[in-house]
Amino acid sequence: LRLSCVVTGRTLSVYDYGWFRQDPGKEREFVAAVRWSTGTTSY
């Protein structure tokens, strides 16, 4: 499956973008992140 996230706003390059997930009754969990300007990732 591929999830998509449309990003709008000004100066998008000064942000990192992450994906989290949350199951009912559980805390929100980090999945992955990417730096807009360099493409560097973390999982």
PDB file of all heavy atoms in Angstrom:
ATOM      1  N   LEU A   1       0.858  -1.180   0.000  1.00  0.00           N
ATOM      2  CA  LEU A   1       0.000   0.000   0.000  1.00  0.00           C
ATOM      3  C   LEU A   1       0.889   1.224   0.000  1.00  0.00           C
ATOM      4  O   LEU A   1       1.953   1.225   0.643  1.00  0.00           O
ATOM      5  CB  LEU A   1      -0.885  -0.001   1.252  1.00  0.00           C
ATOM      6  CG  LEU A   1      -2.064   0.952   1.329  1.00  0.00           C
ATOM      7  CD1 LEU A   1      -3.110   0.574   0.295  1.00  0.00           C
ATOM      8  CD2 LEU A   1      -2.670   0.915   2.728  1.00  0.00           C
ATOM      9  N   ARG A   2       0.464   2.261  -0.721  1.00  0.00           N
ATOM     10  CA  ARG A   2       1.202   3.514  -0.666  1.00  0.00           C
ATOM     11  C   ARG A   2       0.284   4.614  -0.161  1.00  0.00           C
ATOM     12  O   ARG A   2      -0.742   4.913  -0.792  1.00  0.00           O
ATOM     13  CB  ARG A   2       1.773   3.908  -2.025  1.00  0.00           C
ATOM     14  CG  ARG A   2       2.723   5.107  -1.924  1.00  0.00           C
ATOM     15  CD  ARG A   2       3.337   5.497  -3.254  1.00  0.00           C
ATOM     16  NE  ARG A   2       2.409   6.246  -4.086  1.00  0.00           N
ATOM     17  CZ  ARG A   2       2.784   6.967  -5.135  1.00  0.00           C
ATOM     18  NH1 ARG A   2       4.059   7.047  -5.467  1.00  0.00           N
ATOM     19  NH2 ARG A   2       1.866   7.607  -5.861  1.00  0.00           N
ATOM     20  N   LEU A   3       0.659   5.207   0.946  1.00  0.00           N
ATOM     21  CA  LEU A   3      -0.068   6.340   1.496  1.00  0.00           C
ATOM     22  C   LEU A   3       0.528   7.629   0.941  1.00  0.00           C
ATOM     23  O   LEU A   3       1.744   7.722   0.744  1.00  0.00           O
ATOM     24  CB  LEU A   3       0.020   6.341   3.016  1.00  0.00           C
ATOM     25  CG  LEU A   3      -0.429   5.049   3.713  1.00  0.00           C
ATOM     26  CD1 LEU A   3      -0.294   5.199   5.227  1.00  0.00           C
ATOM     27  CD2 LEU A   3      -1.835   4.679   3.318  1.00  0.00           C
ATOM     28  N   SER A   4      -0.347   8.604   0.709  1.00  0.00           N
ATOM     29  CA  SER A   4       0.089   9.883   0.163  1.00  0.00           C
ATOM     30  C   SER A   4      -0.281  11.010   1.113  1.00  0.00           C
ATOM     31  O   SER A   4      -1.300  10.941   1.803  1.00  0.00           O
ATOM     32  CB  SER A   4      -0.573  10.136  -1.194  1.00  0.00           C
ATOM     33  OG  SER A   4      -0.234   9.126  -2.121  1.00  0.00           O
ATOM     34  N   CYS A   5       0.526  12.050   1.103  1.00  0.00           N
ATOM     35  CA  CYS A   5       0.272  13.236   1.916  1.00  0.00           C
ATOM     36  C   CYS A   5       0.527  14.460   1.051  1.00  0.00           C
ATOM     37  O   CYS A   5       1.663  14.697   0.620  1.00  0.00           O
ATOM     38  CB  CYS A   5       1.174  13.239   3.141  1.00  0.00           C
ATOM     39  SG  CYS A   5       1.037  14.704   4.193  1.00  0.00           S
ATOM     40  N   VAL A   6      -0.539  15.204   0.760  1.00  0.00           N
ATOM     41  CA  VAL A   6      -0.404  16.457   0.023  1.00  0.00           C
ATOM     42  C   VAL A   6       0.031  17.537   0.999  1.00  0.00           C
ATOM     43  O   VAL A   6      -0.599  17.731   2.053  1.00  0.00           O
ATOM     44  CB  VAL A   6      -1.734  16.850  -0.637  1.00  0.00           C
ATOM     45  CG1 VAL A   6      -1.586  18.172  -1.369  1.00  0.00           C
ATOM     46  CG2 VAL A   6      -2.209  15.760  -1.581  1.00  0.00           C
ATOM     47  N   VAL A   7       1.075  18.256   0.641  1.00  0.00           N
ATOM     48  CA  VAL A   7       1.619  19.292   1.515  1.00  0.00           C
ATOM     49  C   VAL A   7       1.421  20.650   0.853  1.00  0.00           C
ATOM     50  O   VAL A   7       1.823  20.844  -0.300  1.00  0.00           O
ATOM     51  CB  VAL A   7       3.116  19.060   1.766  1.00  0.00           C
ATOM     52  CG1 VAL A   7       3.657  20.103   2.714  1.00  0.00           C
ATOM     53  CG2 VAL A   7       3.350  17.656   2.318  1.00  0.00           C
ATOM     54  N   THR A   8       0.794  21.580   1.554  1.00  0.00           N
ATOM     55  CA  THR A   8       0.617  22.925   1.021  1.00  0.00           C
ATOM     56  C   THR A   8       1.064  23.938   2.065  1.00  0.00           C
ATOM     57  O   THR A   8       1.028  23.670   3.268  1.00  0.00           O
ATOM     58  CB  THR A   8      -0.847  23.196   0.636  1.00  0.00           C
ATOM     59  OG1 THR A   8      -1.682  22.967   1.782  1.00  0.00           O
ATOM     60  CG2 THR A   8      -1.290  22.285  -0.492  1.00  0.00           C
ATOM     61  N   GLY A   9       1.458  25.103   1.580  1.00  0.00           N
ATOM     62  CA  GLY A   9       1.913  26.154   2.464  1.00  0.00           C
ATOM     63  C   GLY A   9       3.142  26.822   1.892  1.00  0.00           C
ATOM     64  O   GLY A   9       3.575  26.521   0.778  1.00  0.00           O
ATOM     65  N   ARG A  10       3.716  27.713   2.673  1.00  0.00           N
ATOM     66  CA  ARG A  10       4.913  28.436   2.238  1.00  0.00           C
ATOM     67  C   ARG A  10       6.157  27.797   2.836  1.00  0.00           C
ATOM     68  O   ARG A  10       6.098  27.174   3.882  1.00  0.00           O
ATOM     69  CB  ARG A  10       4.805  29.895   2.671  1.00  0.00           C
ATOM     70  CG  ARG A  10       3.586  30.591   2.093  1.00  0.00           C
ATOM     71  CD  ARG A  10       3.463  32.008   2.604  1.00  0.00           C
ATOM     72  NE  ARG A  10       4.586  32.825   2.175  1.00  0.00           N
ATOM     73  CZ  ARG A  10       4.718  34.100   2.509  1.00  0.00           C
ATOM     74  NH1 ARG A  10       3.837  34.668   3.289  1.00  0.00           N
ATOM     75  NH2 ARG A  10       5.749  34.789   2.077  1.00  0.00           N
ATOM     76  N   THR A  11       7.245  27.963   2.188  1.00  0.00           N
ATOM     77  CA  THR A  11       8.565  27.499   2.658  1.00  0.00           C
ATOM     78  C   THR A  11       8.539  26.057   3.140  1.00  0.00           C
ATOM     79  O   THR A  11       8.943  25.747   4.273  1.00  0.00           O
ATOM     80  CB  THR A  11       9.104  28.419   3.778  1.00  0.00           C
ATOM     81  OG1 THR A  11       8.195  28.436   4.879  1.00  0.00           O
ATOM     82  CG2 THR A  11       9.321  29.812   3.240  1.00  0.00           C
ATOM     83  N   LEU A  12       8.092  25.165   2.296  1.00  0.00           N
ATOM     84  CA  LEU A  12       8.013  23.753   2.662  1.00  0.00           C
ATOM     85  C   LEU A  12       9.376  23.173   2.977  1.00  0.00           C
ATOM     86  O   LEU A  12       9.492  22.194   3.719  1.00  0.00           O
ATOM     87  CB  LEU A  12       7.354  22.952   1.538  1.00  0.00           C
ATOM     88  CG  LEU A  12       5.950  23.386   1.127  1.00  0.00           C
ATOM     89  CD1 LEU A  12       5.439  22.460   0.028  1.00  0.00           C
ATOM     90  CD2 LEU A  12       5.001  23.396   2.309  1.00  0.00           C
ATOM     91  N   SER A  13      10.421  23.758   2.431  1.00  0.00           N
ATOM     92  CA  SER A  13      11.763  23.205   2.569  1.00  0.00           C
ATOM     93  C   SER A  13      12.336  23.364   3.968  1.00  0.00           C
ATOM     94  O   SER A  13      13.367  22.765   4.272  1.00  0.00           O
ATOM     95  CB  SER A  13      12.702  23.857   1.563  1.00  0.00           C
ATOM     96  OG  SER A  13      12.779  25.246   1.802  1.00  0.00           O
ATOM     97  N   VAL A  14      11.706  24.142   4.831  1.00  0.00           N
ATOM     98  CA  VAL A  14      12.245  24.313   6.185  1.00  0.00           C
ATOM     99  C   VAL A  14      11.595  23.342   7.163  1.00  0.00           C
ATOM    100  O   VAL A  14      11.721  23.490   8.375  1.00  0.00           O
ATOM    101  CB  VAL A  14      12.074  25.758   6.687  1.00  0.00           C
ATOM    102  CG1 VAL A  14      12.800  26.723   5.762  1.00  0.00           C
ATOM    103  CG2 VAL A  14      10.609  26.137   6.827  1.00  0.00           C
ATOM    104  N   TYR A  15      10.911  22.339   6.625  1.00  0.00           N
ATOM    105  CA  TYR A  15      10.255  21.353   7.464  1.00  0.00           C
ATOM    106  C   TYR A  15      10.794  19.949   7.209  1.00  0.00           C
ATOM    107  O   TYR A  15      11.234  19.623   6.106  1.00  0.00           O
ATOM    108  CB  TYR A  15       8.746  21.323   7.203  1.00  0.00           C
ATOM    109  CG  TYR A  15       8.017  22.555   7.673  1.00  0.00           C
ATOM    110  CD1 TYR A  15       7.943  23.679   6.875  1.00  0.00           C
ATOM    111  CD2 TYR A  15       7.405  22.581   8.923  1.00  0.00           C
ATOM    112  CE1 TYR A  15       7.283  24.812   7.301  1.00  0.00           C
ATOM    113  CE2 TYR A  15       6.733  23.709   9.356  1.00  0.00           C
ATOM    114  CZ  TYR A  15       6.673  24.822   8.542  1.00  0.00           C
ATOM    115  OH  TYR A  15       6.020  25.936   8.979  1.00  0.00           O
ATOM    116  N   ASP A  16      10.721  19.130   8.261  1.00  0.00           N
ATOM    117  CA  ASP A  16      10.818  17.685   8.125  1.00  0.00           C
ATOM    118  C   ASP A  16       9.390  17.152   8.119  1.00  0.00           C
ATOM    119  O   ASP A  16       8.491  17.753   8.734  1.00  0.00           O
ATOM    120  CB  ASP A  16      11.572  17.047   9.304  1.00  0.00           C
ATOM    121  CG  ASP A  16      13.054  17.362   9.297  1.00  0.00           C
ATOM    122  OD1 ASP A  16      13.578  17.759   8.233  1.00  0.00           O
ATOM    123  OD2 ASP A  16      13.694  17.197  10.352  1.00  0.00           O
ATOM    124  N   TYR A  17       9.200  16.003   7.468  1.00  0.00           N
ATOM    125  CA  TYR A  17       7.866  15.420   7.378  1.00  0.00           C
ATOM    126  C   TYR A  17       7.920  13.985   7.886  1.00  0.00           C
ATOM    127  O   TYR A  17       8.828  13.224   7.528  1.00  0.00           O
ATOM    128  CB  TYR A  17       7.357  15.471   5.940  1.00  0.00           C
ATOM    129  CG  TYR A  17       7.215  16.889   5.473  1.00  0.00           C
ATOM    130  CD1 TYR A  17       8.313  17.572   4.947  1.00  0.00           C
ATOM    131  CD2 TYR A  17       6.013  17.581   5.624  1.00  0.00           C
ATOM    132  CE1 TYR A  17       8.203  18.908   4.570  1.00  0.00           C
ATOM    133  CE2 TYR A  17       5.904  18.903   5.243  1.00  0.00           C
ATOM    134  CZ  TYR A  17       6.997  19.559   4.718  1.00  0.00           C
ATOM    135  OH  TYR A  17       6.895  20.873   4.356  1.00  0.00           O
ATOM    136  N   GLY A  18       6.954  13.667   8.705  1.00  0.00           N
ATOM    137  CA  GLY A  18       6.952  12.339   9.307  1.00  0.00           C
ATOM    138  C   GLY A  18       5.622  11.631   9.143  1.00  0.00           C
ATOM    139  O   GLY A  18       4.597  12.251   8.873  1.00  0.00           O
ATOM    140  N   TRP A  19       5.686  10.316   9.270  1.00  0.00           N
ATOM    141  CA  TRP A  19       4.486   9.486   9.339  1.00  0.00           C
ATOM    142  C   TRP A  19       4.438   8.838  10.717  1.00  0.00           C
ATOM    143  O   TRP A  19       5.441   8.302  11.207  1.00  0.00           O
ATOM    144  CB  TRP A  19       4.494   8.400   8.273  1.00  0.00           C
ATOM    145  CG  TRP A  19       4.185   8.878   6.894  1.00  0.00           C
ATOM    146  CD1 TRP A  19       5.082   9.233   5.930  1.00  0.00           C
ATOM    147  CD2 TRP A  19       2.888   9.058   6.310  1.00  0.00           C
ATOM    148  NE1 TRP A  19       4.417   9.613   4.791  1.00  0.00           N
ATOM    149  CE2 TRP A  19       3.065   9.514   4.998  1.00  0.00           C
ATOM    150  CE3 TRP A  19       1.586   8.863   6.773  1.00  0.00           C
ATOM    151  CZ2 TRP A  19       2.006   9.786   4.128  1.00  0.00           C
ATOM    152  CZ3 TRP A  19       0.525   9.123   5.925  1.00  0.00           C
ATOM    153  CH2 TRP A  19       0.736   9.578   4.623  1.00  0.00           C
ATOM    154  N   PHE A  20       3.259   8.907  11.320  1.00  0.00           N
ATOM    155  CA  PHE A  20       2.977   8.255  12.589  1.00  0.00           C
ATOM    156  C   PHE A  20       1.754   7.367  12.395  1.00  0.00           C
ATOM    157  O   PHE A  20       1.002   7.532  11.430  1.00  0.00           O
ATOM    158  CB  PHE A  20       2.676   9.294  13.686  1.00  0.00           C
ATOM    159  CG  PHE A  20       3.877  10.064  14.145  1.00  0.00           C
ATOM    160  CD1 PHE A  20       4.408  11.081  13.366  1.00  0.00           C
ATOM    161  CD2 PHE A  20       4.474   9.795  15.364  1.00  0.00           C
ATOM    162  CE1 PHE A  20       5.524  11.795  13.775  1.00  0.00           C
ATOM    163  CE2 PHE A  20       5.578  10.517  15.804  1.00  0.00           C
ATOM    164  CZ  PHE A  20       6.094  11.508  14.996  1.00  0.00           C
ATOM    165  N   ARG A  21       1.559   6.446  13.327  1.00  0.00           N
ATOM    166  CA  ARG A  21       0.345   5.652  13.291  1.00  0.00           C
ATOM    167  C   ARG A  21      -0.188   5.484  14.708  1.00  0.00           C
ATOM    168  O   ARG A  21       0.566   5.546  15.694  1.00  0.00           O
ATOM    169  CB  ARG A  21       0.595   4.291  12.642  1.00  0.00           C
ATOM    170  CG  ARG A  21       1.507   3.361  13.424  1.00  0.00           C
ATOM    171  CD  ARG A  21       1.749   2.080  12.614  1.00  0.00           C
ATOM    172  NE  ARG A  21       2.458   1.074  13.389  1.00  0.00           N
ATOM    173  CZ  ARG A  21       2.804  -0.121  12.906  1.00  0.00           C
ATOM    174  NH1 ARG A  21       2.529  -0.438  11.648  1.00  0.00           N
ATOM    175  NH2 ARG A  21       3.444  -0.968  13.676  1.00  0.00           N
ATOM    176  N   GLN A  22      -1.493   5.275  14.783  1.00  0.00           N
ATOM    177  CA  GLN A  22      -2.135   5.135  16.094  1.00  0.00           C
ATOM    178  C   GLN A  22      -3.290   4.157  16.008  1.00  0.00           C
ATOM    179  O   GLN A  22      -4.189   4.309  15.180  1.00  0.00           O
ATOM    180  CB  GLN A  22      -2.626   6.489  16.603  1.00  0.00           C
ATOM    181  CG  GLN A  22      -3.132   6.454  18.033  1.00  0.00           C
ATOM    182  CD  GLN A  22      -3.373   7.849  18.591  1.00  0.00           C
ATOM    183  OE1 GLN A  22      -3.570   8.811  17.852  1.00  0.00           O
ATOM    184  NE2 GLN A  22      -3.339   7.968  19.897  1.00  0.00           N
ATOM    185  N   ASP A  23      -3.235   3.173  16.872  1.00  0.00           N
ATOM    186  CA  ASP A  23      -4.307   2.212  17.030  1.00  0.00           C
ATOM    187  C   ASP A  23      -5.155   2.670  18.208  1.00  0.00           C
ATOM    188  O   ASP A  23      -4.607   3.236  19.168  1.00  0.00           O
ATOM    189  CB  ASP A  23      -3.706   0.830  17.313  1.00  0.00           C
ATOM    190  CG  ASP A  23      -4.489  -0.282  16.670  1.00  0.00           C
ATOM    191  OD1 ASP A  23      -5.424   0.016  15.905  1.00  0.00           O
ATOM    192  OD2 ASP A  23      -4.190  -1.455  16.938  1.00  0.00           O
ATOM    193  N   PRO A  24      -6.459   2.449  18.198  1.00  0.00           N
ATOM    194  CA  PRO A  24      -7.290   2.864  19.335  1.00  0.00           C
ATOM    195  C   PRO A  24      -6.766   2.306  20.653  1.00  0.00           C
ATOM    196  O   PRO A  24      -6.413   1.124  20.741  1.00  0.00           O
ATOM    197  CB  PRO A  24      -8.655   2.274  18.998  1.00  0.00           C
ATOM    198  CG  PRO A  24      -8.669   2.190  17.516  1.00  0.00           C
ATOM    199  CD  PRO A  24      -7.248   1.873  17.127  1.00  0.00           C
ATOM    200  N   GLY A  25      -6.669   3.173  21.645  1.00  0.00           N
ATOM    201  CA  GLY A  25      -6.217   2.733  22.959  1.00  0.00           C
ATOM    202  C   GLY A  25      -4.710   2.716  23.109  1.00  0.00           C
ATOM    203  O   GLY A  25      -4.202   2.377  24.177  1.00  0.00           O
ATOM    204  N   LYS A  26      -3.998   3.075  22.050  1.00  0.00           N
ATOM    205  CA  LYS A  26      -2.539   3.085  22.105  1.00  0.00           C
ATOM    206  C   LYS A  26      -2.004   4.473  21.812  1.00  0.00           C
ATOM    207  O   LYS A  26      -2.711   5.313  21.254  1.00  0.00           O
ATOM    208  CB  LYS A  26      -1.966   2.086  21.097  1.00  0.00           C
ATOM    209  CG  LYS A  26      -2.331   0.634  21.378  1.00  0.00           C
ATOM    210  CD  LYS A  26      -1.660  -0.283  20.373  1.00  0.00           C
ATOM    211  CE  LYS A  26      -2.013  -1.744  20.641  1.00  0.00           C
ATOM    212  NZ  LYS A  26      -1.381  -2.655  19.639  1.00  0.00           N
ATOM    213  N   GLU A  27      -0.747   4.694  22.155  1.00  0.00           N
ATOM    214  CA  GLU A  27      -0.128   5.982  21.885  1.00  0.00           C
ATOM    215  C   GLU A  27       0.237   6.087  20.405  1.00  0.00           C
ATOM    216  O   GLU A  27       0.444   5.086  19.717  1.00  0.00           O
ATOM    217  CB  GLU A  27       1.140   6.146  22.738  1.00  0.00           C
ATOM    218  CG  GLU A  27       0.863   6.302  24.222  1.00  0.00           C
ATOM    219  CD  GLU A  27       2.111   6.667  25.001  1.00  0.00           C
ATOM    220  OE1 GLU A  27       3.197   6.751  24.396  1.00  0.00           O
ATOM    221  OE2 GLU A  27       1.998   6.860  26.222  1.00  0.00           O
ATOM    222  N   ARG A  28       0.317   7.329  19.949  1.00  0.00           N
ATOM    223  CA  ARG A  28       0.738   7.562  18.577  1.00  0.00           C
ATOM    224  C   ARG A  28       2.202   7.135  18.439  1.00  0.00           C
ATOM    225  O   ARG A  28       3.043   7.484  19.262  1.00  0.00           O
ATOM    226  CB  ARG A  28       0.551   9.023  18.223  1.00  0.00           C
ATOM    227  CG  ARG A  28       0.612   9.333  16.759  1.00  0.00           C
ATOM    228  CD  ARG A  28       0.039  10.692  16.452  1.00  0.00           C
ATOM    229  NE  ARG A  28      -1.399  10.735  16.690  1.00  0.00           N
ATOM    230  CZ  ARG A  28      -2.162  11.776  16.338  1.00  0.00           C
ATOM    231  NH1 ARG A  28      -1.622  12.819  15.748  1.00  0.00           N
ATOM    232  NH2 ARG A  28      -3.445  11.758  16.588  1.00  0.00           N
ATOM    233  N   GLU A  29       2.497   6.412  17.357  1.00  0.00           N
ATOM    234  CA  GLU A  29       3.793   5.747  17.190  1.00  0.00           C
ATOM    235  C   GLU A  29       4.510   6.296  15.965  1.00  0.00           C
ATOM    236  O   GLU A  29       3.933   6.354  14.861  1.00  0.00           O
ATOM    237  CB  GLU A  29       3.540   4.246  17.041  1.00  0.00           C
ATOM    238  CG  GLU A  29       4.735   3.387  16.821  1.00  0.00           C
ATOM    239  CD  GLU A  29       4.348   1.921  16.694  1.00  0.00           C
ATOM    240  OE1 GLU A  29       3.373   1.612  15.971  1.00  0.00           O
ATOM    241  OE2 GLU A  29       5.033   1.072  17.301  1.00  0.00           O
ATOM    242  N   PHE A  30       5.777   6.660  16.133  1.00  0.00           N
ATOM    243  CA  PHE A  30       6.595   7.125  15.009  1.00  0.00           C
ATOM    244  C   PHE A  30       6.860   5.977  14.042  1.00  0.00           C
ATOM    245  O   PHE A  30       7.169   4.862  14.466  1.00  0.00           O
ATOM    246  CB  PHE A  30       7.915   7.684  15.533  1.00  0.00           C
ATOM    247  CG  PHE A  30       8.919   7.980  14.460  1.00  0.00           C
ATOM    248  CD1 PHE A  30       8.757   9.078  13.625  1.00  0.00           C
ATOM    249  CD2 PHE A  30      10.027   7.166  14.264  1.00  0.00           C
ATOM    250  CE1 PHE A  30       9.682   9.359  12.634  1.00  0.00           C
ATOM    251  CE2 PHE A  30      10.958   7.440  13.283  1.00  0.00           C
ATOM    252  CZ  PHE A  30      10.782   8.531  12.460  1.00  0.00           C
ATOM    253  N   VAL A  31       6.751   6.284  12.748  1.00  0.00           N
ATOM    254  CA  VAL A  31       7.039   5.290  11.721  1.00  0.00           C
ATOM    255  C   VAL A  31       8.276   5.683  10.923  1.00  0.00           C
ATOM    256  O   VAL A  31       9.229   4.903  10.823  1.00  0.00           O
ATOM    257  CB  VAL A  31       5.832   5.117  10.771  1.00  0.00           C
ATOM    258  CG1 VAL A  31       6.182   4.137   9.656  1.00  0.00           C
ATOM    259  CG2 VAL A  31       4.596   4.675  11.529  1.00  0.00           C
ATOM    260  N   ALA A  32       8.265   6.890  10.351  1.00  0.00           N
ATOM    261  CA  ALA A  32       9.371   7.315   9.490  1.00  0.00           C
ATOM    262  C   ALA A  32       9.324   8.818   9.309  1.00  0.00           C
ATOM    263  O   ALA A  32       8.280   9.446   9.513  1.00  0.00           O
ATOM    264  CB  ALA A  32       9.295   6.621   8.130  1.00  0.00           C
ATOM    265  N   ALA A  33      10.458   9.392   8.918  1.00  0.00           N
ATOM    266  CA  ALA A  33      10.532  10.826   8.666  1.00  0.00           C
ATOM    267  C   ALA A  33      11.489  11.093   7.512  1.00  0.00           C
ATOM    268  O   ALA A  33      12.402  10.298   7.249  1.00  0.00           O
ATOM    269  CB  ALA A  33      10.995  11.572   9.915  1.00  0.00           C
ATOM    270  N   VAL A  34      11.270  12.223   6.843  1.00  0.00           N
ATOM    271  CA  VAL A  34      12.134  12.628   5.728  1.00  0.00           C
ATOM    272  C   VAL A  34      12.349  14.134   5.773  1.00  0.00           C
ATOM    273  O   VAL A  34      11.440  14.886   6.121  1.00  0.00           O
ATOM    274  CB  VAL A  34      11.511  12.201   4.372  1.00  0.00           C
ATOM    275  CG1 VAL A  34      10.174  12.885   4.118  1.00  0.00           C
ATOM    276  CG2 VAL A  34      12.478  12.477   3.228  1.00  0.00           C
ATOM    277  N   ARG A  35      13.553  14.543   5.452  1.00  0.00           N
ATOM    278  CA  ARG A  35      13.869  15.982   5.375  1.00  0.00           C
ATOM    279  C   ARG A  35      13.602  16.447   3.951  1.00  0.00           C
ATOM    280  O   ARG A  35      14.145  15.883   2.994  1.00  0.00           O
ATOM    281  CB  ARG A  35      15.315  16.231   5.777  1.00  0.00           C
ATOM    282  CG  ARG A  35      15.743  17.705   5.743  1.00  0.00           C
ATOM    283  CD  ARG A  35      16.839  17.970   6.742  1.00  0.00           C
ATOM    284  NE  ARG A  35      16.335  17.790   8.098  1.00  0.00           N
ATOM    285  CZ  ARG A  35      17.104  17.790   9.185  1.00  0.00           C
ATOM    286  NH1 ARG A  35      18.413  17.935   9.068  1.00  0.00           N
ATOM    287  NH2 ARG A  35      16.579  17.613  10.373  1.00  0.00           N
ATOM    288  N   TRP A  36      12.750  17.453   3.823  1.00  0.00           N
ATOM    289  CA  TRP A  36      12.330  17.922   2.505  1.00  0.00           C
ATOM    290  C   TRP A  36      13.514  18.374   1.661  1.00  0.00           C
ATOM    291  O   TRP A  36      13.602  18.086   0.482  1.00  0.00           O
ATOM    292  CB  TRP A  36      11.345  19.076   2.684  1.00  0.00           C
ATOM    293  CG  TRP A  36      10.690  19.515   1.420  1.00  0.00           C
ATOM    294  CD1 TRP A  36      11.106  20.498   0.559  1.00  0.00           C
ATOM    295  CD2 TRP A  36       9.477  18.991   0.873  1.00  0.00           C
ATOM    296  NE1 TRP A  36      10.224  20.610  -0.486  1.00  0.00           N
ATOM    297  CE2 TRP A  36       9.222  19.702  -0.315  1.00  0.00           C
ATOM    298  CE3 TRP A  36       8.590  17.984   1.275  1.00  0.00           C
ATOM    299  CZ2 TRP A  36       8.099  19.446  -1.101  1.00  0.00           C
ATOM    300  CZ3 TRP A  36       7.480  17.733   0.496  1.00  0.00           C
ATOM    301  CH2 TRP A  36       7.243  18.460  -0.688  1.00  0.00           C
ATOM    302  N   SER A  37      14.445  19.072   2.279  1.00  0.00           N
ATOM    303  CA  SER A  37      15.522  19.719   1.529  1.00  0.00           C
ATOM    304  C   SER A  37      16.584  18.735   1.050  1.00  0.00           C
ATOM    305  O   SER A  37      17.192  18.945  -0.006  1.00  0.00           O
ATOM    306  CB  SER A  37      16.175  20.804   2.382  1.00  0.00           C
ATOM    307  OG  SER A  37      16.664  20.249   3.594  1.00  0.00           O
ATOM    308  N   THR A  38      16.811  17.645   1.796  1.00  0.00           N
ATOM    309  CA  THR A  38      17.917  16.740   1.450  1.00  0.00           C
ATOM    310  C   THR A  38      17.471  15.326   1.116  1.00  0.00           C
ATOM    311  O   THR A  38      18.232  14.570   0.531  1.00  0.00           O
ATOM    312  CB  THR A  38      18.906  16.646   2.620  1.00  0.00           C
ATOM    313  OG1 THR A  38      18.221  16.073   3.755  1.00  0.00           O
ATOM    314  CG2 THR A  38      19.460  18.011   2.989  1.00  0.00           C
ATOM    315  N   GLY A  39      16.251  14.949   1.516  1.00  0.00           N
ATOM    316  CA  GLY A  39      15.798  13.575   1.314  1.00  0.00           C
ATOM    317  C   GLY A  39      16.302  12.606   2.368  1.00  0.00           C
ATOM    318  O   GLY A  39      16.020  11.398   2.276  1.00  0.00           O
ATOM    319  N   THR A  40      17.018  13.091   3.355  1.00  0.00           N
ATOM    320  CA  THR A  40      17.490  12.227   4.442  1.00  0.00           C
ATOM    321  C   THR A  40      16.303  11.601   5.165  1.00  0.00           C
ATOM    322  O   THR A  40      15.296  12.261   5.383  1.00  0.00           O
ATOM    323  CB  THR A  40      18.316  13.047   5.442  1.00  0.00           C
ATOM    324  OG1 THR A  40      19.371  13.701   4.750  1.00  0.00           O
ATOM    325  CG2 THR A  40      18.887  12.160   6.530  1.00  0.00           C
ATOM    326  N   THR A  41      16.431  10.322   5.524  1.00  0.00           N
ATOM    327  CA  THR A  41      15.317   9.609   6.136  1.00  0.00           C
ATOM    328  C   THR A  41      15.697   8.997   7.479  1.00  0.00           C
ATOM    329  O   THR A  41      16.874   8.792   7.783  1.00  0.00           O
ATOM    330  CB  THR A  41      14.811   8.485   5.224  1.00  0.00           C
ATOM    331  OG1 THR A  41      15.897   7.580   4.966  1.00  0.00           O
ATOM    332  CG2 THR A  41      14.283   9.035   3.913  1.00  0.00           C
ATOM    333  N   SER A  42      14.664   8.714   8.259  1.00  0.00           N
ATOM    334  CA  SER A  42      14.831   8.024   9.531  1.00  0.00           C
ATOM    335  C   SER A  42      13.632   7.106   9.711  1.00  0.00           C
ATOM    336  O   SER A  42      12.512   7.465   9.322  1.00  0.00           O
ATOM    337  CB  SER A  42      14.900   9.024  10.682  1.00  0.00           C
ATOM    338  OG  SER A  42      14.996   8.365  11.930  1.00  0.00           O
ATOM    339  N   TYR A  43      13.867   5.918  10.291  1.00  0.00           N
ATOM    340  CA  TYR A  43      12.806   4.934  10.451  1.00  0.00           C
ATOM    341  C   TYR A  43      12.770   4.403  11.872  1.00  0.00           C
ATOM    342  O   TYR A  43      13.810   4.289  12.541  1.00  0.00           O
ATOM    343  CB  TYR A  43      13.022   3.754   9.504  1.00  0.00           C
ATOM    344  CG  TYR A  43      12.854   4.085   8.049  1.00  0.00           C
ATOM    345  CD1 TYR A  43      13.935   4.466   7.266  1.00  0.00           C
ATOM    346  CD2 TYR A  43      11.601   4.027   7.456  1.00  0.00           C
ATOM    347  CE1 TYR A  43      13.779   4.779   5.925  1.00  0.00           C
ATOM    348  CE2 TYR A  43      11.429   4.325   6.111  1.00  0.00           C
ATOM    349  CZ  TYR A  43      12.524   4.698   5.355  1.00  0.00           C
ATOM    350  OH  TYR A  43      12.351   4.997   4.028  1.00  0.00           O
TER     351      TYR A  43
END
